[in-house]
Amino acid sequence: MKNSKYIKVSVSERKPETAGNYNTEYGLKSYSKAMQLFIDDNGEEIYPEYWLQEVPDYEDEMKEMLAKCMLEFGRFKAEFGQGSKLELEIKSLLTKLKTES
């Protein structure tokens, strides 16, 4: 089962597309599509700077693609005897992703 990932969306950039409960810097708050604003538990208007939007988690796919890139760089090095800065950056990123998992 994949973990959920969330991104901060600035309210000044974009408001939620549907009414419902959203995580904000003030916690879980209701959003009224009709009134185009957030409401707290007491029915008072609140003005958060951001809300959290759930997004697909592509971390496993990214790791797999980076690993494939490393295989290709290995083949290239074997054939032409050269490494590259990009190869080192990919290795570093893969190491970070593996240690944070």
PDB file of N, CA and C in Angstrom:
ATOM      1  N   MET A   1       0.838  -1.181   0.000  1.00  0.00           N
ATOM      2  CA  MET A   1       0.000   0.000   0.000  1.00  0.00           C
ATOM      3  C   MET A   1       0.884   1.246   0.000  1.00  0.00           C
ATOM      4  N   LYS A   2       0.608   2.152  -0.885  1.00  0.00           N
ATOM      5  CA  LYS A   2       1.407   3.364  -1.001  1.00  0.00           C
ATOM      6  C   LYS A   2       0.971   4.385   0.038  1.00  0.00           C
ATOM      7  N   ASN A   3       1.951   5.169   0.484  1.00  0.00           N
ATOM      8  CA  ASN A   3       1.658   6.269   1.395  1.00  0.00           C
ATOM      9  C   ASN A   3       1.056   7.416   0.607  1.00  0.00           C
ATOM     10  N   SER A   4       0.252   8.200   1.283  1.00  0.00           N
ATOM     11  CA  SER A   4      -0.295   9.392   0.646  1.00  0.00           C
ATOM     12  C   SER A   4       0.756  10.482   0.677  1.00  0.00           C
ATOM     13  N   LYS A   5       0.780  11.262  -0.356  1.00  0.00           N
ATOM     14  CA  LYS A   5       1.654  12.429  -0.419  1.00  0.00           C
ATOM     15  C   LYS A   5       0.755  13.648  -0.525  1.00  0.00           C
ATOM     16  N   TYR A   6       1.198  14.739   0.064  1.00  0.00           N
ATOM     17  CA  TYR A   6       0.420  15.965   0.036  1.00  0.00           C
ATOM     18  C   TYR A   6       1.320  17.122  -0.367  1.00  0.00           C
ATOM     19  N   ILE A   7       0.732  18.062  -1.066  1.00  0.00           N
ATOM     20  CA  ILE A   7       1.448  19.284  -1.404  1.00  0.00           C
ATOM     21  C   ILE A   7       0.687  20.463  -0.812  1.00  0.00           C
ATOM     22  N   LYS A   8       1.443  21.492  -0.439  1.00  0.00           N
ATOM     23  CA  LYS A   8       0.814  22.718   0.048  1.00  0.00           C
ATOM     24  C   LYS A   8       0.338  23.519  -1.150  1.00  0.00           C
ATOM     25  N   VAL A   9      -0.919  23.926  -1.101  1.00  0.00           N
ATOM     26  CA  VAL A   9      -1.481  24.768  -2.158  1.00  0.00           C
ATOM     27  C   VAL A   9      -1.846  26.102  -1.530  1.00  0.00           C
ATOM     28  N   SER A  10      -1.264  27.157  -2.048  1.00  0.00           N
ATOM     29  CA  SER A  10      -1.547  28.488  -1.541  1.00  0.00           C
ATOM     30  C   SER A  10      -2.992  28.872  -1.879  1.00  0.00           C
ATOM     31  N   VAL A  11      -3.724  29.320  -0.877  1.00  0.00           N
ATOM     32  CA  VAL A  11      -5.115  29.726  -1.087  1.00  0.00           C
ATOM     33  C   VAL A  11      -5.175  30.894  -2.069  1.00  0.00           C
ATOM     34  N   SER A  12      -4.156  31.751  -2.063  1.00  0.00           N
ATOM     35  CA  SER A  12      -4.156  32.878  -3.001  1.00  0.00           C
ATOM     36  C   SER A  12      -3.967  32.411  -4.443  1.00  0.00           C
ATOM     37  N   GLU A  13      -3.351  31.233  -4.640  1.00  0.00           N
ATOM     38  CA  GLU A  13      -3.166  30.673  -5.984  1.00  0.00           C
ATOM     39  C   GLU A  13      -4.391  29.902  -6.461  1.00  0.00           C
ATOM     40  N   ARG A  14      -4.926  29.068  -5.551  1.00  0.00           N
ATOM     41  CA  ARG A  14      -6.031  28.190  -5.967  1.00  0.00           C
ATOM     42  C   ARG A  14      -6.785  27.703  -4.740  1.00  0.00           C
ATOM     43  N   LYS A  15      -8.085  27.756  -4.833  1.00  0.00           N
ATOM     44  CA  LYS A  15      -8.952  27.238  -3.774  1.00  0.00           C
ATOM     45  C   LYS A  15      -9.386  25.823  -4.153  1.00  0.00           C
ATOM     46  N   PRO A  16      -9.825  25.022  -3.179  1.00  0.00           N
ATOM     47  CA  PRO A  16     -10.292  23.669  -3.499  1.00  0.00           C
ATOM     48  C   PRO A  16     -11.423  23.702  -4.529  1.00  0.00           C
ATOM     49  N   GLU A  17     -11.486  22.658  -5.350  1.00  0.00           N
ATOM     50  CA  GLU A  17     -12.512  22.587  -6.398  1.00  0.00           C
ATOM     51  C   GLU A  17     -13.862  22.116  -5.874  1.00  0.00           C
ATOM     52  N   THR A  18     -13.863  21.425  -4.739  1.00  0.00           N
ATOM     53  CA  THR A  18     -15.118  20.915  -4.181  1.00  0.00           C
ATOM     54  C   THR A  18     -15.213  21.272  -2.701  1.00  0.00           C
ATOM     55  N   ALA A  19     -16.437  21.311  -2.210  1.00  0.00           N
ATOM     56  CA  ALA A  19     -16.666  21.550  -0.782  1.00  0.00           C
ATOM     57  C   ALA A  19     -16.211  20.317  -0.007  1.00  0.00           C
ATOM     58  N   GLY A  20     -15.795  20.527   1.220  1.00  0.00           N
ATOM     59  CA  GLY A  20     -15.385  19.407   2.055  1.00  0.00           C
ATOM     60  C   GLY A  20     -14.408  19.849   3.119  1.00  0.00           C
ATOM     61  N   ASN A  21     -13.835  18.868   3.808  1.00  0.00           N
ATOM     62  CA  ASN A  21     -12.858  19.145   4.854  1.00  0.00           C
ATOM     63  C   ASN A  21     -11.448  19.045   4.279  1.00  0.00           C
ATOM     64  N   TYR A  22     -10.631  20.030   4.613  1.00  0.00           N
ATOM     65  CA  TYR A  22      -9.264  20.098   4.118  1.00  0.00           C
ATOM     66  C   TYR A  22      -8.322  20.408   5.258  1.00  0.00           C
ATOM     67  N   ASN A  23      -7.117  19.827   5.188  1.00  0.00           N
ATOM     68  CA  ASN A  23      -6.087  20.160   6.160  1.00  0.00           C
ATOM     69  C   ASN A  23      -5.496  21.514   5.795  1.00  0.00           C
ATOM     70  N   THR A  24      -5.416  22.387   6.790  1.00  0.00           N
ATOM     71  CA  THR A  24      -4.814  23.709   6.626  1.00  0.00           C
ATOM     72  C   THR A  24      -3.807  23.880   7.752  1.00  0.00           C
ATOM     73  N   GLU A  25      -3.147  25.037   7.807  1.00  0.00           N
ATOM     74  CA  GLU A  25      -2.227  25.256   8.927  1.00  0.00           C
ATOM     75  C   GLU A  25      -2.973  25.371  10.249  1.00  0.00           C
ATOM     76  N   TYR A  26      -4.310  25.505  10.200  1.00  0.00           N
ATOM     77  CA  TYR A  26      -5.141  25.542  11.406  1.00  0.00           C
ATOM     78  C   TYR A  26      -5.757  24.182  11.714  1.00  0.00           C
ATOM     79  N   GLY A  27      -5.355  23.162  10.996  1.00  0.00           N
ATOM     80  CA  GLY A  27      -5.930  21.832  11.169  1.00  0.00           C
ATOM     81  C   GLY A  27      -7.003  21.565  10.127  1.00  0.00           C
ATOM     82  N   LEU A  28      -7.828  20.557  10.384  1.00  0.00           N
ATOM     83  CA  LEU A  28      -8.883  20.167   9.453  1.00  0.00           C
ATOM     84  C   LEU A  28     -10.022  21.181   9.515  1.00  0.00           C
ATOM     85  N   LYS A  29     -10.289  21.851   8.385  1.00  0.00           N
ATOM     86  CA  LYS A  29     -11.326  22.882   8.324  1.00  0.00           C
ATOM     87  C   LYS A  29     -12.228  22.636   7.125  1.00  0.00           C
ATOM     88  N   SER A  30     -13.464  23.102   7.227  1.00  0.00           N
ATOM     89  CA  SER A  30     -14.446  22.935   6.154  1.00  0.00           C
ATOM     90  C   SER A  30     -14.262  24.027   5.114  1.00  0.00           C
ATOM     91  N   TYR A  31     -14.452  23.645   3.856  1.00  0.00           N
ATOM     92  CA  TYR A  31     -14.423  24.623   2.771  1.00  0.00           C
ATOM     93  C   TYR A  31     -15.793  24.664   2.128  1.00  0.00           C
ATOM     94  N   SER A  32     -16.331  25.858   1.992  1.00  0.00           N
ATOM     95  CA  SER A  32     -17.622  26.064   1.338  1.00  0.00           C
ATOM     96  C   SER A  32     -17.376  26.540  -0.088  1.00  0.00           C
ATOM     97  N   LYS A  33     -17.743  25.709  -1.042  1.00  0.00           N
ATOM     98  CA  LYS A  33     -17.583  26.082  -2.454  1.00  0.00           C
ATOM     99  C   LYS A  33     -18.489  27.268  -2.798  1.00  0.00           C
ATOM    100  N   ALA A  34     -19.700  27.269  -2.259  1.00  0.00           N
ATOM    101  CA  ALA A  34     -20.658  28.344  -2.548  1.00  0.00           C
ATOM    102  C   ALA A  34     -20.138  29.698  -2.056  1.00  0.00           C
ATOM    103  N   MET A  35     -19.547  29.702  -0.845  1.00  0.00           N
ATOM    104  CA  MET A  35     -19.068  30.964  -0.285  1.00  0.00           C
ATOM    105  C   MET A  35     -17.594  31.219  -0.611  1.00  0.00           C
ATOM    106  N   GLN A  36     -16.912  30.205  -1.188  1.00  0.00           N
ATOM    107  CA  GLN A  36     -15.501  30.327  -1.565  1.00  0.00           C
ATOM    108  C   GLN A  36     -14.606  30.674  -0.372  1.00  0.00           C
ATOM    109  N   LEU A  37     -14.887  30.034   0.801  1.00  0.00           N
ATOM    110  CA  LEU A  37     -14.045  30.281   1.966  1.00  0.00           C
ATOM    111  C   LEU A  37     -14.055  29.104   2.920  1.00  0.00           C
ATOM    112  N   PHE A  38     -13.095  29.146   3.838  1.00  0.00           N
ATOM    113  CA  PHE A  38     -12.966  28.113   4.863  1.00  0.00           C
ATOM    114  C   PHE A  38     -13.726  28.551   6.108  1.00  0.00           C
ATOM    115  N   ILE A  39     -14.256  27.564   6.833  1.00  0.00           N
ATOM    116  CA  ILE A  39     -15.055  27.823   8.023  1.00  0.00           C
ATOM    117  C   ILE A  39     -14.543  26.933   9.148  1.00  0.00           C
ATOM    118  N   ASP A  40     -14.437  27.496  10.353  1.00  0.00           N
ATOM    119  CA  ASP A  40     -14.004  26.679  11.480  1.00  0.00           C
ATOM    120  C   ASP A  40     -15.196  25.959  12.109  1.00  0.00           C
ATOM    121  N   ASP A  41     -14.948  25.242  13.203  1.00  0.00           N
ATOM    122  CA  ASP A  41     -15.992  24.450  13.846  1.00  0.00           C
ATOM    123  C   ASP A  41     -17.132  25.302  14.414  1.00  0.00           C
ATOM    124  N   ASN A  42     -16.868  26.568  14.669  1.00  0.00           N
ATOM    125  CA  ASN A  42     -17.888  27.471  15.207  1.00  0.00           C
ATOM    126  C   ASN A  42     -18.649  28.208  14.104  1.00  0.00           C
ATOM    127  N   GLY A  43     -18.363  27.895  12.852  1.00  0.00           N
ATOM    128  CA  GLY A  43     -19.029  28.567  11.743  1.00  0.00           C
ATOM    129  C   GLY A  43     -18.406  29.906  11.366  1.00  0.00           C
ATOM    130  N   GLU A  44     -17.265  30.222  11.992  1.00  0.00           N
ATOM    131  CA  GLU A  44     -16.576  31.484  11.709  1.00  0.00           C
ATOM    132  C   GLU A  44     -15.695  31.337  10.473  1.00  0.00           C
ATOM    133  N   GLU A  45     -15.605  32.386   9.694  1.00  0.00           N
ATOM    134  CA  GLU A  45     -14.720  32.382   8.532  1.00  0.00           C
ATOM    135  C   GLU A  45     -13.272  32.381   9.002  1.00  0.00           C
ATOM    136  N   ILE A  46     -12.446  31.597   8.333  1.00  0.00           N
ATOM    137  CA  ILE A  46     -11.008  31.638   8.608  1.00  0.00           C
ATOM    138  C   ILE A  46     -10.293  31.818   7.281  1.00  0.00           C
ATOM    139  N   TYR A  47      -9.086  32.299   7.357  1.00  0.00           N
ATOM    140  CA  TYR A  47      -8.335  32.616   6.150  1.00  0.00           C
ATOM    141  C   TYR A  47      -6.945  31.975   6.197  1.00  0.00           C
ATOM    142  N   PRO A  48      -6.891  30.669   5.937  1.00  0.00           N
ATOM    143  CA  PRO A  48      -5.587  30.004   5.943  1.00  0.00           C
ATOM    144  C   PRO A  48      -4.749  30.435   4.742  1.00  0.00           C
ATOM    145  N   GLU A  49      -3.430  30.319   4.891  1.00  0.00           N
ATOM    146  CA  GLU A  49      -2.532  30.628   3.777  1.00  0.00           C
ATOM    147  C   GLU A  49      -2.462  29.467   2.796  1.00  0.00           C
ATOM    148  N   TYR A  50      -2.665  28.240   3.309  1.00  0.00           N
ATOM    149  CA  TYR A  50      -2.566  27.082   2.429  1.00  0.00           C
ATOM    150  C   TYR A  50      -3.505  25.973   2.872  1.00  0.00           C
ATOM    151  N   TRP A  51      -3.732  25.043   1.956  1.00  0.00           N
ATOM    152  CA  TRP A  51      -4.448  23.799   2.248  1.00  0.00           C
ATOM    153  C   TRP A  51      -3.635  22.683   1.619  1.00  0.00           C
ATOM    154  N   LEU A  52      -3.828  21.462   2.091  1.00  0.00           N
ATOM    155  CA  LEU A  52      -3.046  20.330   1.597  1.00  0.00           C
ATOM    156  C   LEU A  52      -3.856  19.520   0.591  1.00  0.00           C
ATOM    157  N   GLN A  53      -3.247  19.267  -0.554  1.00  0.00           N
ATOM    158  CA  GLN A  53      -3.888  18.481  -1.607  1.00  0.00           C
ATOM    159  C   GLN A  53      -3.179  17.141  -1.727  1.00  0.00           C
ATOM    160  N   GLU A  54      -3.964  16.068  -1.718  1.00  0.00           N
ATOM    161  CA  GLU A  54      -3.387  14.742  -1.902  1.00  0.00           C
ATOM    162  C   GLU A  54      -2.984  14.573  -3.358  1.00  0.00           C
ATOM    163  N   VAL A  55      -1.795  14.033  -3.560  1.00  0.00           N
ATOM    164  CA  VAL A  55      -1.280  13.813  -4.915  1.00  0.00           C
ATOM    165  C   VAL A  55      -0.772  12.378  -5.022  1.00  0.00           C
ATOM    166  N   PRO A  56      -0.698  11.841  -6.233  1.00  0.00           N
ATOM    167  CA  PRO A  56      -0.179  10.485  -6.405  1.00  0.00           C
ATOM    168  C   PRO A  56       1.266  10.383  -5.927  1.00  0.00           C
ATOM    169  N   ASP A  57       1.604   9.239  -5.379  1.00  0.00           N
ATOM    170  CA  ASP A  57       2.956   8.982  -4.899  1.00  0.00           C
ATOM    171  C   ASP A  57       3.694   8.166  -5.956  1.00  0.00           C
ATOM    172  N   TYR A  58       4.653   8.795  -6.610  1.00  0.00           N
ATOM    173  CA  TYR A  58       5.423   8.118  -7.648  1.00  0.00           C
ATOM    174  C   TYR A  58       6.836   7.773  -7.194  1.00  0.00           C
ATOM    175  N   GLU A  59       7.071   7.727  -5.880  1.00  0.00           N
ATOM    176  CA  GLU A  59       8.416   7.505  -5.369  1.00  0.00           C
ATOM    177  C   GLU A  59       9.002   6.181  -5.857  1.00  0.00           C
ATOM    178  N   ASP A  60       8.233   5.107  -5.789  1.00  0.00           N
ATOM    179  CA  ASP A  60       8.750   3.808  -6.234  1.00  0.00           C
ATOM    180  C   ASP A  60       9.096   3.837  -7.715  1.00  0.00           C
ATOM    181  N   GLU A  61       8.234   4.457  -8.517  1.00  0.00           N
ATOM    182  CA  GLU A  61       8.487   4.549  -9.950  1.00  0.00           C
ATOM    183  C   GLU A  61       9.730   5.391 -10.232  1.00  0.00           C
ATOM    184  N   MET A  62       9.919   6.476  -9.461  1.00  0.00           N
ATOM    185  CA  MET A  62      11.109   7.311  -9.639  1.00  0.00           C
ATOM    186  C   MET A  62      12.373   6.532  -9.311  1.00  0.00           C
ATOM    187  N   LYS A  63      12.350   5.780  -8.208  1.00  0.00           N
ATOM    188  CA  LYS A  63      13.512   4.981  -7.840  1.00  0.00           C
ATOM    189  C   LYS A  63      13.851   3.978  -8.938  1.00  0.00           C
ATOM    190  N   GLU A  64      12.817   3.330  -9.470  1.00  0.00           N
ATOM    191  CA  GLU A  64      13.022   2.342 -10.529  1.00  0.00           C
ATOM    192  C   GLU A  64      13.620   2.989 -11.776  1.00  0.00           C
ATOM    193  N   MET A  65      13.117   4.141 -12.158  1.00  0.00           N
ATOM    194  CA  MET A  65      13.625   4.829 -13.347  1.00  0.00           C
ATOM    195  C   MET A  65      15.066   5.286 -13.137  1.00  0.00           C
ATOM    196  N   LEU A  66      15.368   5.803 -11.955  1.00  0.00           N
ATOM    197  CA  LEU A  66      16.736   6.219 -11.676  1.00  0.00           C
ATOM    198  C   LEU A  66      17.689   5.032 -11.707  1.00  0.00           C
ATOM    199  N   ALA A  67      17.231   3.888 -11.188  1.00  0.00           N
ATOM    200  CA  ALA A  67      18.064   2.681 -11.225  1.00  0.00           C
ATOM    201  C   ALA A  67      18.311   2.255 -12.676  1.00  0.00           C
ATOM    202  N   LYS A  68      17.313   2.358 -13.534  1.00  0.00           N
ATOM    203  CA  LYS A  68      17.485   2.034 -14.958  1.00  0.00           C
ATOM    204  C   LYS A  68      18.489   2.982 -15.605  1.00  0.00           C
ATOM    205  N   CYS A  69      18.424   4.256 -15.240  1.00  0.00           N
ATOM    206  CA  CYS A  69      19.387   5.227 -15.762  1.00  0.00           C
ATOM    207  C   CYS A  69      20.803   4.844 -15.374  1.00  0.00           C
ATOM    208  N   MET A  70      20.950   4.395 -14.127  1.00  0.00           N
ATOM    209  CA  MET A  70      22.282   3.992 -13.673  1.00  0.00           C
ATOM    210  C   MET A  70      22.798   2.797 -14.473  1.00  0.00           C
ATOM    211  N   LEU A  71      21.938   1.857 -14.814  1.00  0.00           N
ATOM    212  CA  LEU A  71      22.345   0.723 -15.653  1.00  0.00           C
ATOM    213  C   LEU A  71      22.810   1.214 -17.014  1.00  0.00           C
ATOM    214  N   GLU A  72      22.075   2.147 -17.589  1.00  0.00           N
ATOM    215  CA  GLU A  72      22.454   2.687 -18.895  1.00  0.00           C
ATOM    216  C   GLU A  72      23.791   3.421 -18.816  1.00  0.00           C
ATOM    217  N   PHE A  73      23.997   4.194 -17.743  1.00  0.00           N
ATOM    218  CA  PHE A  73      25.284   4.872 -17.578  1.00  0.00           C
ATOM    219  C   PHE A  73      26.407   3.850 -17.450  1.00  0.00           C
ATOM    220  N   GLY A  74      26.122   2.740 -16.738  1.00  0.00           N
ATOM    221  CA  GLY A  74      27.132   1.684 -16.602  1.00  0.00           C
ATOM    222  C   GLY A  74      27.509   1.105 -17.956  1.00  0.00           C
ATOM    223  N   ARG A  75      26.531   0.871 -18.808  1.00  0.00           N
ATOM    224  CA  ARG A  75      26.799   0.357 -20.159  1.00  0.00           C
ATOM    225  C   ARG A  75      27.587   1.370 -20.981  1.00  0.00           C
ATOM    226  N   PHE A  76      27.213   2.637 -20.852  1.00  0.00           N
ATOM    227  CA  PHE A  76      27.898   3.692 -21.585  1.00  0.00           C
ATOM    228  C   PHE A  76      29.362   3.772 -21.141  1.00  0.00           C
ATOM    229  N   LYS A  77      29.587   3.715 -19.831  1.00  0.00           N
ATOM    230  CA  LYS A  77      30.953   3.780 -19.313  1.00  0.00           C
ATOM    231  C   LYS A  77      31.774   2.586 -19.784  1.00  0.00           C
ATOM    232  N   ALA A  78      31.157   1.403 -19.791  1.00  0.00           N
ATOM    233  CA  ALA A  78      31.875   0.205 -20.226  1.00  0.00           C
ATOM    234  C   ALA A  78      32.284   0.339 -21.692  1.00  0.00           C
ATOM    235  N   GLU A  79      31.423   0.951 -22.494  1.00  0.00           N
ATOM    236  CA  GLU A  79      31.702   1.081 -23.927  1.00  0.00           C
ATOM    237  C   GLU A  79      32.654   2.239 -24.237  1.00  0.00           C
ATOM    238  N   PHE A  80      32.452   3.375 -23.548  1.00  0.00           N
ATOM    239  CA  PHE A  80      33.228   4.569 -23.892  1.00  0.00           C
ATOM    240  C   PHE A  80      34.221   4.997 -22.804  1.00  0.00           C
ATOM    241  N   GLY A  81      34.170   4.352 -21.639  1.00  0.00           N
ATOM    242  CA  GLY A  81      35.132   4.656 -20.577  1.00  0.00           C
ATOM    243  C   GLY A  81      34.986   6.029 -19.958  1.00  0.00           C
ATOM    244  N   GLN A  82      33.780   6.567 -19.924  1.00  0.00           N
ATOM    245  CA  GLN A  82      33.578   7.896 -19.357  1.00  0.00           C
ATOM    246  C   GLN A  82      32.424   7.884 -18.347  1.00  0.00           C
ATOM    247  N   GLY A  83      32.590   8.661 -17.302  1.00  0.00           N
ATOM    248  CA  GLY A  83      31.497   8.898 -16.366  1.00  0.00           C
ATOM    249  C   GLY A  83      30.936  10.284 -16.632  1.00  0.00           C
ATOM    250  N   SER A  84      29.947  10.664 -15.890  1.00  0.00           N
ATOM    251  CA  SER A  84      29.407  12.003 -16.089  1.00  0.00           C
ATOM    252  C   SER A  84      28.933  12.583 -14.767  1.00  0.00           C
ATOM    253  N   LYS A  85      28.791  13.897 -14.761  1.00  0.00           N
ATOM    254  CA  LYS A  85      28.277  14.586 -13.578  1.00  0.00           C
ATOM    255  C   LYS A  85      26.846  14.130 -13.296  1.00  0.00           C
ATOM    256  N   LEU A  86      26.063  13.929 -14.356  1.00  0.00           N
ATOM    257  CA  LEU A  86      24.676  13.482 -14.191  1.00  0.00           C
ATOM    258  C   LEU A  86      24.620  12.126 -13.495  1.00  0.00           C
ATOM    259  N   GLU A  87      25.520  11.247 -13.837  1.00  0.00           N
ATOM    260  CA  GLU A  87      25.572   9.933 -13.194  1.00  0.00           C
ATOM    261  C   GLU A  87      25.798  10.081 -11.690  1.00  0.00           C
ATOM    262  N   LEU A  88      26.712  10.945 -11.312  1.00  0.00           N
ATOM    263  CA  LEU A  88      26.991  11.172  -9.883  1.00  0.00           C
ATOM    264  C   LEU A  88      25.777  11.768  -9.172  1.00  0.00           C
ATOM    265  N   GLU A  89      25.075  12.676  -9.839  1.00  0.00           N
ATOM    266  CA  GLU A  89      23.878  13.275  -9.248  1.00  0.00           C
ATOM    267  C   GLU A  89      22.783  12.228  -9.049  1.00  0.00           C
ATOM    268  N   ILE A  90      22.621  11.338 -10.015  1.00  0.00           N
ATOM    269  CA  ILE A  90      21.614  10.275  -9.894  1.00  0.00           C
ATOM    270  C   ILE A  90      21.982   9.328  -8.760  1.00  0.00           C
ATOM    271  N   LYS A  91      23.258   8.963  -8.658  1.00  0.00           N
ATOM    272  CA  LYS A  91      23.705   8.091  -7.559  1.00  0.00           C
ATOM    273  C   LYS A  91      23.401   8.734  -6.212  1.00  0.00           C
ATOM    274  N   SER A  92      23.703  10.017  -6.104  1.00  0.00           N
ATOM    275  CA  SER A  92      23.461  10.738  -4.858  1.00  0.00           C
ATOM    276  C   SER A  92      21.974  10.762  -4.514  1.00  0.00           C
ATOM    277  N   LEU A  93      21.137  11.032  -5.512  1.00  0.00           N
ATOM    278  CA  LEU A  93      19.692  11.070  -5.290  1.00  0.00           C
ATOM    279  C   LEU A  93      19.157   9.703  -4.893  1.00  0.00           C
ATOM    280  N   LEU A  94      19.615   8.654  -5.563  1.00  0.00           N
ATOM    281  CA  LEU A  94      19.181   7.299  -5.214  1.00  0.00           C
ATOM    282  C   LEU A  94      19.568   6.956  -3.782  1.00  0.00           C
ATOM    283  N   THR A  95      20.758   7.340  -3.395  1.00  0.00           N
ATOM    284  CA  THR A  95      21.216   7.087  -2.022  1.00  0.00           C
ATOM    285  C   THR A  95      20.319   7.797  -1.026  1.00  0.00           C
ATOM    286  N   LYS A  96      19.973   9.047  -1.296  1.00  0.00           N
ATOM    287  CA  LYS A  96      19.087   9.803  -0.414  1.00  0.00           C
ATOM    288  C   LYS A  96      17.712   9.142  -0.321  1.00  0.00           C
ATOM    289  N   LEU A  97      17.164   8.749  -1.459  1.00  0.00           N
ATOM    290  CA  LEU A  97      15.840   8.131  -1.464  1.00  0.00           C
ATOM    291  C   LEU A  97      15.850   6.821  -0.695  1.00  0.00           C
ATOM    292  N   LYS A  98      16.899   6.034  -0.835  1.00  0.00           N
ATOM    293  CA  LYS A  98      16.966   4.742  -0.134  1.00  0.00           C
ATOM    294  C   LYS A  98      17.127   4.918   1.369  1.00  0.00           C
ATOM    295  N   THR A  99      17.888   5.930   1.790  1.00  0.00           N
ATOM    296  CA  THR A  99      18.104   6.114   3.227  1.00  0.00           C
ATOM    297  C   THR A  99      16.896   6.756   3.902  1.00  0.00           C
ATOM    298  N   GLU A 100      16.076   7.499   3.158  1.00  0.00           N
ATOM    299  CA  GLU A 100      14.898   8.138   3.738  1.00  0.00           C
ATOM    300  C   GLU A 100      13.695   7.217   3.764  1.00  0.00           C
ATOM    301  N   SER A 101      13.763   6.105   3.047  1.00  0.00           N
ATOM    302  CA  SER A 101      12.613   5.197   2.986  1.00  0.00           C
ATOM    303  C   SER A 101      12.485   4.372   4.247  1.00  0.00           C
TER     304      SER A 101
END
